[in-house]
Amino acid sequence: MRIPLFPILFILAAACVASLCGKEELPVIQPEAPAETRSHFAALDDVRLLANGLLQLGQSLREFVQKTKGQINDIFQKLNIFDHSFYQLSVIASEIKEEEEELKKTAVILKASNEEIKDLSVEISSKINSILVERTQLQNKVEGLEKKLSSLSHGLMTSEQVAEINGLRDVIQSQEQSITKLLVAVSEQSDQINQQRIKIKALEEKLSANTAPQETIERMPEIFNSEAPTLSPYLATSSTSTATMINLPSDCSELFNRGERVSTVYVIRPNGSEPFMAFCDMSKGYGATVIQRRKDGSVNFDQTWDKYENGFGDLQKEFWLGLRKIHSLATLENSVLHIQLQDWKQGRRFIKYRFYLDGAESNYTIHLTQLSGDLPDPMSNHTGMMFSTKDRDNNYHQDSNCTHKYTGGWWFSTCGDTNLNGRYFHIRPKGRRRGIQWKQGRKASYSLKFTQISIHPAAPPSISSSISASTEAGIFP
């Protein structure tokens, strides 16, 4: 508010100058002395007023300059802090980039090494098979010679026959030694593969934690998940010879019967089909083959028919095993479908069905009969239903495609409320009908936090009664 003094001071200064100039121009003193005295004192008052105004103006300018200097100093301090922070960020970004390049190079080296180990394992397996074939041929020759010896029991063997028998025995011994060496090599390769998987898993975690753009990381889980599993659970020694044969189990329950107790990924071969990798849950007192798991929304389950038929996802996290593989596991009528659910209050419940699945020619029609559990049974309306996806609608609802309305592939029955392959919500949604649904009658829809579907053979009554359901029960809203 001190700035408007400038016009006033300017006017006063002008008046003062004019009065002084007027005083100099007077040639003579007028007779009226008292009037001149009053004019002289009035000019001095104007000067004092002007001086006072100038002092105030100078004080205001001084305060303004001090304030401006303080603001400029603050700006310089902030600029220094910003420069220091920017430099630190540049250094960190450079370090992250260098570490990323090193991790990429290490991943490429490990991938190449793993491919070599895979090729070597395949080559060893083929050699073992050829050696086993040769061993069978040699055994047949030995049996033929034994028959000849029995027929010549009343006579003497020629030296040629004795030499041939001794030669065959030497060949058999050398073959057994070769097989033993190959088994040792296979065991060593198995250990190397396990070490490679551990290293690759650590690289996965480091690369996934890096926030910089990484285009090559997106395909790493697919490459790592294709690793060959350990071969040690599938090597069984014959009681009649030292030769060892690779014997793949038909499912996880067979692995459990062999003594395996670790819940992890194994290779199985159900009913003579093509072998494939599956996650085995050994935590319930038996081996169950997991066909579906949802726990964190990391995998998109809104997939096409081809994906649902062949499987997708990460067997260690979220996945759908694939309708072809599920069919190979459920071709027998003694299969049990075990469904486990968890809500957002950590409450757990389960239900079990007698389960059978038709093949691709019937669009994988499902057949269910409830056995036990503490969940309501909305799946009774789904038995006899064909599987549907967003690009192949096989439900009975003629006016709409259930997969487009609710997302995910499932055995839909006129777009019912049960769909464990629906969209995953990371918080508890209210009033939504497109999540992971297991609706209880007429209650409001509720999207679940965790689901797991597994298959195992029907257990004998003594075993099934000893397995308590209390570990899976809980509060279900």
Protein backbone atom coordinates (compact mmCIF):
# COMPACT_ATOMS: atom_id res chain seq x y z
CA MET A 1 0.00 0.00 0.00
CA ARG A 2 3.06 2.29 0.00
CA ILE A 3 3.45 2.38 -3.76
CA PRO A 4 0.65 5.00 -4.41
CA LEU A 5 2.79 7.59 -2.54
CA PHE A 6 4.73 8.20 -5.75
CA PRO A 7 2.10 10.50 -7.38
CA ILE A 8 1.61 12.43 -4.14
CA LEU A 9 5.34 12.92 -3.63
CA PHE A 10 5.75 13.93 -7.23
CA ILE A 11 3.03 16.61 -6.88
CA LEU A 12 4.59 17.86 -3.63
CA ALA A 13 8.00 18.01 -5.23
CA ALA A 14 6.61 19.97 -8.15
CA ALA A 15 4.86 22.38 -5.82
CA CYS A 16 8.05 22.85 -3.82
CA VAL A 17 10.14 23.55 -6.89
CA ALA A 18 7.53 25.98 -8.17
CA SER A 19 7.49 27.83 -4.86
CA LEU A 20 11.28 28.02 -4.75
CA CYS A 21 11.44 29.22 -8.32
CA GLY A 22 8.79 31.84 -7.55
CA LYS A 23 10.86 33.05 -4.62
CA GLU A 24 13.96 33.58 -6.77
CA GLU A 25 12.06 35.53 -9.42
CA LEU A 26 10.82 38.22 -6.95
CA PRO A 27 13.06 41.32 -7.50
CA VAL A 28 12.00 43.26 -4.50
CA ILE A 29 10.51 42.63 -1.14
CA GLN A 30 6.84 43.40 -0.99
CA PRO A 31 5.63 45.68 1.71
CA GLU A 32 3.53 42.99 3.26
CA ALA A 33 6.24 41.21 5.27
CA PRO A 34 3.99 38.95 7.29
CA ALA A 35 2.59 37.37 4.12
CA GLU A 36 6.12 36.51 2.87
CA THR A 37 6.99 34.86 6.16
CA ARG A 38 3.95 32.60 6.00
CA SER A 39 4.86 31.57 2.40
CA HIS A 40 8.44 30.75 3.43
CA PHE A 41 7.38 28.45 6.27
CA ALA A 42 4.82 26.75 4.06
CA ALA A 43 7.59 25.78 1.60
CA LEU A 44 9.69 24.26 4.41
CA ASP A 45 6.73 22.13 5.49
CA ASP A 46 6.40 20.87 1.97
CA VAL A 47 10.08 19.93 1.92
CA ARG A 48 9.77 18.08 5.22
CA LEU A 49 6.71 16.26 3.92
CA LEU A 50 8.58 15.37 0.75
CA ALA A 51 11.61 14.17 2.74
CA ASN A 52 9.41 12.03 4.96
CA GLY A 53 7.74 10.50 1.91
CA LEU A 54 11.11 9.78 0.33
CA LEU A 55 12.30 8.08 3.54
CA GLN A 56 9.19 5.92 3.60
CA LEU A 57 9.67 5.07 -0.06
CA GLY A 58 13.30 4.13 0.57
CA GLN A 59 12.30 1.92 3.52
CA SER A 60 9.63 0.23 1.37
CA LEU A 61 12.12 -0.36 -1.42
CA ARG A 62 14.62 -1.77 1.06
CA GLU A 63 12.06 -4.21 2.50
CA PHE A 64 11.01 -5.20 -1.03
CA VAL A 65 14.64 -5.84 -2.03
CA GLN A 66 15.27 -7.95 1.12
CA LYS A 67 12.11 -10.00 0.49
CA THR A 68 13.05 -10.53 -3.18
CA LYS A 69 16.57 -11.65 -2.20
CA GLY A 70 15.07 -14.18 0.25
CA GLN A 71 12.77 -15.58 -2.46
CA ILE A 72 15.65 -15.84 -4.91
CA ASN A 73 17.75 -17.70 -2.32
CA ASP A 74 14.88 -20.16 -1.73
CA ILE A 75 14.59 -20.74 -5.47
CA PHE A 76 18.33 -21.41 -5.75
CA GLN A 77 18.17 -23.88 -2.83
CA LYS A 78 15.27 -25.75 -4.46
CA LEU A 79 17.15 -25.80 -7.76
CA ASN A 80 20.19 -27.28 -6.03
CA ILE A 81 18.06 -29.95 -4.36
CA PHE A 82 16.42 -30.76 -7.68
CA ASP A 83 19.80 -31.03 -9.44
CA HIS A 84 21.10 -33.35 -6.71
CA SER A 85 18.00 -35.55 -6.86
CA PHE A 86 18.11 -35.70 -10.65
CA TYR A 87 21.77 -36.73 -10.53
CA GLN A 88 21.02 -39.51 -8.01
CA LEU A 89 18.13 -40.77 -10.18
CA SER A 90 20.40 -40.79 -13.22
CA VAL A 91 22.99 -42.86 -11.36
CA ILE A 92 20.35 -45.33 -10.12
CA ALA A 93 18.84 -45.64 -13.62
CA SER A 94 22.27 -46.33 -15.05
CA GLU A 95 22.94 -49.03 -12.45
CA ILE A 96 19.55 -50.64 -13.09
CA LYS A 97 20.21 -50.67 -16.83
CA GLU A 98 23.60 -52.30 -16.37
CA GLU A 99 22.16 -54.93 -14.03
CA GLU A 100 19.34 -55.62 -16.49
CA GLU A 101 21.83 -56.18 -19.31
CA GLU A 102 23.82 -58.59 -17.14
CA LEU A 103 20.67 -60.49 -16.19
CA LYS A 104 19.64 -60.75 -19.84
CA LYS A 105 23.04 -62.13 -20.79
CA THR A 106 22.92 -64.63 -17.93
CA ALA A 107 19.38 -65.70 -18.93
CA VAL A 108 20.52 -66.31 -22.52
CA ILE A 109 23.48 -68.38 -21.31
CA LEU A 110 21.30 -70.43 -18.97
CA LYS A 111 18.74 -70.99 -21.71
CA ALA A 112 21.41 -72.26 -24.11
CA SER A 113 22.87 -74.51 -21.41
CA ASN A 114 19.44 -75.84 -20.59
CA GLU A 115 18.75 -76.64 -24.23
CA GLU A 116 22.01 -78.58 -24.40
CA ILE A 117 21.08 -80.51 -21.27
CA LYS A 118 17.66 -81.31 -22.76
CA ASP A 119 19.21 -82.57 -25.99
CA LEU A 120 21.67 -84.67 -24.00
CA SER A 121 18.84 -86.16 -21.92
CA VAL A 122 16.91 -87.08 -25.06
CA GLU A 123 20.03 -88.65 -26.56
CA ILE A 124 20.68 -90.64 -23.36
CA SER A 125 17.07 -91.84 -23.31
CA SER A 126 17.31 -93.03 -26.92
CA LYS A 127 20.56 -94.85 -26.12
CA ILE A 128 18.96 -96.53 -23.13
CA ASN A 129 16.05 -97.68 -25.29
CA SER A 130 18.41 -99.08 -27.94
CA ILE A 131 20.44 -100.85 -25.26
CA LEU A 132 17.29 -102.36 -23.79
CA VAL A 133 16.28 -103.63 -27.23
CA GLU A 134 19.72 -105.19 -27.71
CA ARG A 135 19.49 -106.71 -24.25
CA THR A 136 16.15 -108.31 -25.12
CA GLN A 137 17.62 -109.74 -28.31
CA LEU A 138 20.58 -111.14 -26.38
CA GLN A 139 18.28 -112.71 -23.80
CA ASN A 140 16.35 -114.41 -26.59
CA LYS A 141 19.59 -115.79 -27.99
CA VAL A 142 20.63 -117.04 -24.56
CA GLU A 143 17.28 -118.76 -24.12
CA GLY A 144 17.74 -120.40 -27.51
CA LEU A 145 21.19 -121.63 -26.53
CA GLU A 146 19.85 -122.95 -23.23
CA LYS A 147 17.29 -124.98 -25.15
CA LYS A 148 20.05 -126.35 -27.36
CA LEU A 149 22.07 -127.24 -24.26
CA SER A 150 19.13 -129.08 -22.75
CA SER A 151 18.65 -131.03 -25.98
CA LEU A 152 22.34 -131.93 -26.00
CA SER A 153 22.38 -133.03 -22.37
CA HIS A 154 23.14 -136.61 -23.43
CA GLY A 155 26.03 -135.52 -25.62
CA LEU A 156 28.98 -133.21 -25.41
CA MET A 157 28.93 -129.55 -26.47
CA THR A 158 31.30 -128.45 -29.16
CA SER A 159 33.94 -125.86 -28.47
CA GLU A 160 32.17 -123.46 -30.83
CA GLN A 161 28.97 -123.57 -28.78
CA VAL A 162 30.89 -123.04 -25.54
CA ALA A 163 32.70 -120.05 -27.07
CA GLU A 164 29.41 -118.60 -28.33
CA ILE A 165 27.83 -118.88 -24.88
CA ASN A 166 30.82 -117.27 -23.21
CA GLY A 167 30.78 -114.49 -25.77
CA LEU A 168 27.10 -113.81 -25.18
CA ARG A 169 27.69 -113.66 -21.44
CA ASP A 170 30.46 -111.14 -21.91
CA VAL A 171 28.24 -109.02 -24.14
CA ILE A 172 25.45 -109.06 -21.54
CA GLN A 173 27.83 -108.00 -18.79
CA SER A 174 29.20 -105.16 -20.90
CA GLN A 175 25.65 -104.03 -21.73
CA GLU A 176 24.74 -104.00 -18.05
CA GLN A 177 27.80 -101.89 -17.27
CA SER A 178 26.89 -99.47 -20.06
CA ILE A 179 23.35 -99.17 -18.70
CA THR A 180 24.69 -98.47 -15.22
CA LYS A 181 26.93 -95.70 -16.58
CA LEU A 182 24.02 -94.21 -18.48
CA LEU A 183 21.90 -94.20 -15.37
CA VAL A 184 24.62 -92.34 -13.51
CA ALA A 185 24.79 -89.82 -16.36
CA VAL A 186 21.00 -89.41 -16.33
CA SER A 187 21.09 -88.76 -12.58
CA GLU A 188 23.81 -86.14 -13.03
CA GLN A 189 21.85 -84.48 -15.82
CA SER A 190 18.79 -84.44 -13.59
CA ASP A 191 20.73 -82.64 -10.87
CA GLN A 192 22.04 -80.12 -13.40
CA ILE A 193 18.52 -79.48 -14.69
CA ASN A 194 17.30 -78.85 -11.14
CA GLN A 195 20.11 -76.36 -10.56
CA GLN A 196 19.30 -74.62 -13.84
CA ARG A 197 15.63 -74.35 -12.83
CA ILE A 198 16.60 -72.79 -9.49
CA LYS A 199 18.83 -70.23 -11.22
CA ILE A 200 16.20 -69.44 -13.82
CA LYS A 201 13.55 -69.03 -11.12
CA ALA A 202 15.78 -66.54 -9.30
CA LEU A 203 16.28 -64.64 -12.56
CA GLU A 204 12.54 -64.59 -13.10
CA GLU A 205 11.98 -62.96 -9.74
CA LYS A 206 14.72 -60.36 -10.34
CA LEU A 207 13.50 -59.49 -13.81
CA SER A 208 9.85 -59.32 -12.75
CA ALA A 209 10.81 -56.89 -9.94
CA ASN A 210 12.55 -54.55 -12.39
CA THR A 211 10.30 -51.60 -13.33
CA ALA A 212 12.16 -50.71 -16.55
CA PRO A 213 10.58 -51.74 -19.88
CA GLN A 214 11.58 -55.30 -20.65
CA GLU A 215 10.15 -56.80 -23.78
CA THR A 216 12.15 -60.01 -23.54
CA ILE A 217 10.89 -60.79 -20.05
CA GLU A 218 7.30 -61.32 -21.24
CA ARG A 219 8.19 -64.66 -22.85
CA MET A 220 10.46 -65.90 -20.08
CA PRO A 221 7.73 -67.67 -18.01
CA GLU A 222 6.74 -69.69 -21.08
CA ILE A 223 10.37 -70.70 -21.65
CA PHE A 224 11.02 -71.49 -18.00
CA ASN A 225 7.79 -73.47 -17.56
CA SER A 226 8.87 -75.79 -20.37
CA GLU A 227 11.82 -77.03 -18.31
CA ALA A 228 12.20 -80.78 -18.09
CA PRO A 229 11.23 -82.01 -14.59
CA THR A 230 13.45 -84.11 -12.45
CA LEU A 231 13.71 -87.70 -13.68
CA SER A 232 14.48 -89.30 -10.33
CA PRO A 233 10.82 -90.02 -9.31
CA TYR A 234 10.29 -92.03 -12.50
CA LEU A 235 13.30 -94.38 -12.40
CA ALA A 236 12.40 -97.84 -11.09
CA THR A 237 14.87 -100.76 -10.92
CA SER A 238 13.63 -104.19 -12.03
CA SER A 239 13.89 -106.99 -9.46
CA THR A 240 15.13 -109.50 -12.04
CA SER A 241 17.98 -107.49 -13.58
CA THR A 242 20.09 -104.39 -13.11
CA ALA A 243 18.53 -102.68 -16.13
CA THR A 244 16.46 -99.59 -15.30
CA MET A 245 13.39 -98.45 -17.23
CA ILE A 246 11.66 -95.07 -17.21
CA ASN A 247 8.18 -95.67 -15.81
CA LEU A 248 5.91 -92.61 -15.87
CA PRO A 249 2.99 -92.61 -13.40
CA SER A 250 -0.58 -92.41 -14.66
CA ASP A 251 -1.53 -89.67 -12.18
CA CYS A 252 -0.52 -87.97 -8.93
CA SER A 253 -2.14 -90.63 -6.76
CA GLU A 254 0.24 -93.22 -8.19
CA LEU A 255 3.16 -90.93 -7.38
CA PHE A 256 1.86 -90.65 -3.80
CA ASN A 257 1.71 -94.44 -3.58
CA ARG A 258 5.35 -94.55 -4.72
CA GLY A 259 6.34 -92.39 -1.76
CA GLU A 260 6.33 -88.85 -3.17
CA ARG A 261 5.11 -86.28 -0.60
CA VAL A 262 6.18 -82.92 -2.10
CA SER A 263 3.46 -80.85 -3.76
CA THR A 264 5.09 -79.68 -6.99
CA VAL A 265 5.15 -80.24 -10.78
CA TYR A 266 5.67 -83.81 -12.09
CA VAL A 267 5.39 -85.60 -15.45
CA ILE A 268 2.49 -88.04 -15.73
CA ARG A 269 1.05 -90.22 -18.48
CA PRO A 270 -2.63 -91.07 -17.89
CA ASN A 271 -3.99 -94.22 -19.56
CA GLY A 272 -1.25 -94.46 -22.18
CA SER A 273 -1.76 -90.90 -23.50
CA GLU A 274 1.00 -88.48 -24.34
CA PRO A 275 2.98 -87.51 -21.21
CA PHE A 276 2.54 -83.99 -19.85
CA MET A 277 3.44 -81.88 -16.82
CA ALA A 278 0.93 -81.44 -13.99
CA PHE A 279 0.91 -80.01 -10.47
CA CYS A 280 0.38 -82.70 -7.81
CA ASP A 281 -1.22 -81.75 -4.49
CA MET A 282 0.11 -84.18 -1.85
CA SER A 283 -1.23 -82.30 1.18
CA LYS A 284 -4.53 -84.14 1.72
CA GLY A 285 -3.17 -87.57 2.56
CA TYR A 286 -3.36 -88.66 -1.09
CA GLY A 287 -2.15 -87.48 -4.49
CA ALA A 288 -4.51 -85.20 -6.42
CA THR A 289 -3.87 -83.84 -9.93
CA VAL A 290 -4.73 -80.12 -9.96
CA ILE A 291 -6.59 -79.02 -13.12
CA GLN A 292 -7.38 -75.40 -12.19
CA ARG A 293 -6.17 -72.78 -9.72
CA ARG A 294 -7.08 -69.10 -9.17
CA LYS A 295 -5.37 -67.07 -6.45
CA ASP A 296 -4.13 -63.65 -7.53
CA GLY A 297 -5.52 -62.75 -10.96
CA SER A 298 -2.11 -63.01 -12.63
CA VAL A 299 -3.53 -65.06 -15.56
CA ASN A 300 -6.36 -63.97 -17.86
CA PHE A 301 -8.97 -66.75 -18.02
CA ASP A 302 -11.03 -65.10 -20.78
CA GLN A 303 -9.46 -67.35 -23.45
CA THR A 304 -10.49 -69.07 -26.68
CA TRP A 305 -11.57 -72.67 -27.23
CA ASP A 306 -8.09 -73.68 -28.40
CA LYS A 307 -6.53 -72.34 -25.17
CA TYR A 308 -9.06 -74.09 -22.95
CA GLU A 309 -8.59 -77.32 -24.86
CA ASN A 310 -4.77 -77.34 -24.63
CA GLY A 311 -4.27 -75.45 -21.35
CA PHE A 312 -2.67 -72.15 -20.33
CA GLY A 313 -1.06 -70.37 -17.37
CA ASP A 314 1.76 -71.17 -14.92
CA LEU A 315 1.56 -74.55 -13.14
CA GLN A 316 3.18 -73.04 -10.05
CA LYS A 317 0.68 -70.15 -9.86
CA GLU A 318 -2.60 -69.80 -11.83
CA PHE A 319 -3.49 -72.15 -14.68
CA TRP A 320 -6.03 -74.26 -16.53
CA LEU A 321 -4.62 -77.73 -17.29
CA GLY A 322 -6.52 -78.23 -20.57
CA LEU A 323 -9.64 -80.19 -21.55
CA ARG A 324 -7.65 -82.84 -23.45
CA LYS A 325 -5.54 -83.61 -20.39
CA ILE A 326 -8.53 -83.49 -18.03
CA HIS A 327 -10.34 -85.96 -20.30
CA SER A 328 -7.36 -88.33 -20.19
CA LEU A 329 -7.50 -88.18 -16.37
CA ALA A 330 -11.27 -88.68 -16.13
CA THR A 331 -11.95 -91.47 -18.60
CA LEU A 332 -12.61 -93.89 -15.75
CA GLU A 333 -15.87 -93.63 -13.83
CA ASN A 334 -14.16 -93.82 -10.43
CA SER A 335 -12.65 -90.32 -10.71
CA VAL A 336 -13.47 -87.75 -8.01
CA LEU A 337 -13.65 -84.01 -8.74
CA HIS A 338 -12.51 -82.02 -5.67
CA ILE A 339 -13.42 -78.29 -5.62
CA GLN A 340 -11.90 -76.02 -2.94
CA LEU A 341 -13.04 -72.40 -2.49
CA GLN A 342 -11.86 -69.53 -0.28
CA ASP A 343 -13.63 -66.23 0.38
CA TRP A 344 -12.18 -62.83 1.29
CA LYS A 345 -12.53 -63.61 5.02
CA GLN A 346 -10.14 -66.56 4.63
CA GLY A 347 -13.04 -69.00 5.01
CA ARG A 348 -12.53 -72.30 3.18
CA ARG A 349 -15.08 -74.86 2.00
CA PHE A 350 -15.10 -77.78 -0.41
CA ILE A 351 -17.31 -80.18 -2.33
CA LYS A 352 -16.62 -83.48 -4.09
CA TYR A 353 -18.34 -85.10 -7.07
CA ARG A 354 -18.18 -88.42 -8.84
CA PHE A 355 -16.80 -87.15 -12.12
CA TYR A 356 -16.63 -88.24 -15.75
CA LEU A 357 -15.77 -86.15 -18.84
CA ASP A 358 -16.59 -86.96 -22.46
CA GLY A 359 -14.10 -86.32 -25.27
CA ALA A 360 -13.74 -83.63 -27.90
CA GLU A 361 -16.41 -85.18 -30.12
CA SER A 362 -18.99 -84.33 -27.41
CA ASN A 363 -17.48 -80.91 -26.63
CA TYR A 364 -16.23 -82.32 -23.32
CA THR A 365 -19.64 -82.91 -21.75
CA ILE A 366 -19.41 -83.13 -17.96
CA HIS A 367 -21.14 -85.74 -15.75
CA LEU A 368 -21.34 -85.10 -11.99
CA THR A 369 -22.80 -86.82 -8.94
CA GLN A 370 -22.35 -85.14 -5.55
CA LEU A 371 -20.44 -87.19 -2.97
CA SER A 372 -19.61 -84.99 0.03
CA GLY A 373 -18.62 -81.51 1.19
CA ASP A 374 -19.87 -78.46 3.06
CA LEU A 375 -20.72 -76.31 0.03
CA PRO A 376 -24.12 -75.92 -1.66
CA ASP A 377 -24.47 -77.84 -4.92
CA PRO A 378 -25.25 -75.49 -7.83
CA MET A 379 -23.36 -77.78 -10.24
CA SER A 380 -26.21 -80.30 -10.30
CA ASN A 381 -27.82 -78.11 -12.96
CA HIS A 382 -24.60 -78.24 -14.99
CA THR A 383 -24.23 -82.02 -15.31
CA GLY A 384 -24.69 -83.10 -18.91
CA MET A 385 -23.58 -79.67 -20.17
CA MET A 386 -21.00 -79.13 -22.90
CA PHE A 387 -18.04 -76.81 -22.41
CA SER A 388 -18.36 -73.29 -23.88
CA THR A 389 -15.95 -70.45 -24.63
CA LYS A 390 -16.32 -66.98 -26.10
CA ASP A 391 -15.65 -68.32 -29.62
CA ARG A 392 -17.68 -71.55 -29.27
CA ASP A 393 -21.07 -71.30 -27.57
CA ASN A 394 -22.42 -74.75 -26.62
CA ASN A 395 -24.89 -73.80 -23.85
CA TYR A 396 -28.65 -74.15 -24.07
CA HIS A 397 -29.33 -70.42 -23.99
CA GLN A 398 -30.21 -69.48 -27.55
CA ASP A 399 -30.37 -65.70 -27.14
CA SER A 400 -26.94 -64.90 -25.69
CA ASN A 401 -23.42 -66.25 -25.36
CA CYS A 402 -22.74 -66.88 -21.68
CA THR A 403 -18.98 -66.47 -22.09
CA HIS A 404 -19.47 -62.97 -23.51
CA LYS A 405 -21.77 -62.09 -20.63
CA TYR A 406 -19.76 -63.62 -17.79
CA THR A 407 -16.25 -64.13 -19.36
CA GLY A 408 -14.19 -67.32 -19.15
CA GLY A 409 -14.90 -70.88 -20.37
CA TRP A 410 -17.20 -73.15 -18.35
CA TRP A 411 -19.95 -75.77 -18.51
CA PHE A 412 -22.70 -73.14 -18.70
CA SER A 413 -26.34 -74.07 -18.19
CA THR A 414 -28.50 -71.25 -19.61
CA CYS A 415 -25.98 -68.74 -18.26
CA GLY A 416 -26.22 -69.94 -14.66
CA ASP A 417 -24.45 -68.29 -11.77
CA THR A 418 -21.68 -70.88 -11.31
CA ASN A 419 -18.43 -70.04 -13.12
CA LEU A 420 -15.04 -70.63 -11.49
CA ASN A 421 -13.22 -69.34 -14.59
CA GLY A 422 -14.74 -65.86 -14.47
CA ARG A 423 -12.99 -62.53 -14.11
CA TYR A 424 -10.75 -62.16 -11.04
CA PHE A 425 -11.41 -59.17 -8.76
CA HIS A 426 -8.63 -58.09 -6.37
CA ILE A 427 -11.10 -56.71 -3.85
CA ARG A 428 -14.43 -58.01 -2.63
CA PRO A 429 -16.92 -56.76 -5.23
CA LYS A 430 -20.56 -56.23 -4.39
CA GLY A 431 -23.40 -56.53 -6.85
CA ARG A 432 -21.20 -57.99 -9.61
CA ARG A 433 -22.09 -61.11 -11.52
CA ARG A 434 -19.05 -61.48 -13.74
CA GLY A 435 -16.51 -62.65 -11.18
CA ILE A 436 -15.55 -66.10 -9.87
CA GLN A 437 -19.02 -67.33 -8.94
CA TRP A 438 -20.38 -70.16 -6.80
CA LYS A 439 -23.81 -68.79 -6.03
CA GLN A 440 -25.73 -70.19 -3.05
CA GLY A 441 -29.34 -70.33 -4.04
CA ARG A 442 -30.95 -66.89 -4.10
CA LYS A 443 -28.24 -65.07 -2.14
CA ALA A 444 -26.38 -62.13 -3.64
CA SER A 445 -23.56 -62.86 -6.04
CA TYR A 446 -20.06 -62.94 -4.56
CA SER A 447 -16.69 -63.15 -6.32
CA LEU A 448 -14.23 -65.55 -4.66
CA LYS A 449 -10.57 -65.03 -3.74
CA PHE A 450 -9.16 -68.55 -4.29
CA THR A 451 -10.26 -71.68 -6.15
CA GLN A 452 -8.60 -75.03 -6.80
CA ILE A 453 -10.05 -77.95 -8.76
CA SER A 454 -8.30 -81.33 -8.64
CA ILE A 455 -8.94 -84.94 -9.67
CA HIS A 456 -8.07 -88.14 -7.82
CA PRO A 457 -9.33 -91.74 -7.88
CA ALA A 458 -12.03 -92.73 -5.44
CA ALA A 459 -10.35 -93.75 -2.17
CA PRO A 460 -11.36 -96.84 -0.19
CA PRO A 461 -13.87 -96.11 2.62
CA SER A 462 -11.26 -96.62 5.36
CA ILE A 463 -8.94 -94.04 3.80
CA SER A 464 -11.62 -91.51 2.91
CA SER A 465 -13.12 -91.62 6.41
CA SER A 466 -9.73 -90.93 8.00
CA ILE A 467 -9.25 -87.69 6.04
CA SER A 468 -10.87 -84.88 7.97
CA ALA A 469 -12.65 -82.09 6.14
CA SER A 470 -12.00 -79.63 8.94
CA THR A 471 -8.86 -78.32 7.22
CA GLU A 472 -10.93 -77.12 4.28
CA ALA A 473 -14.01 -75.82 6.08
CA GLY A 474 -14.64 -72.20 7.00
CA ILE A 475 -17.06 -69.32 6.92
CA PHE A 476 -18.50 -68.75 3.48
CA PRO A 477 -20.54 -65.53 3.15
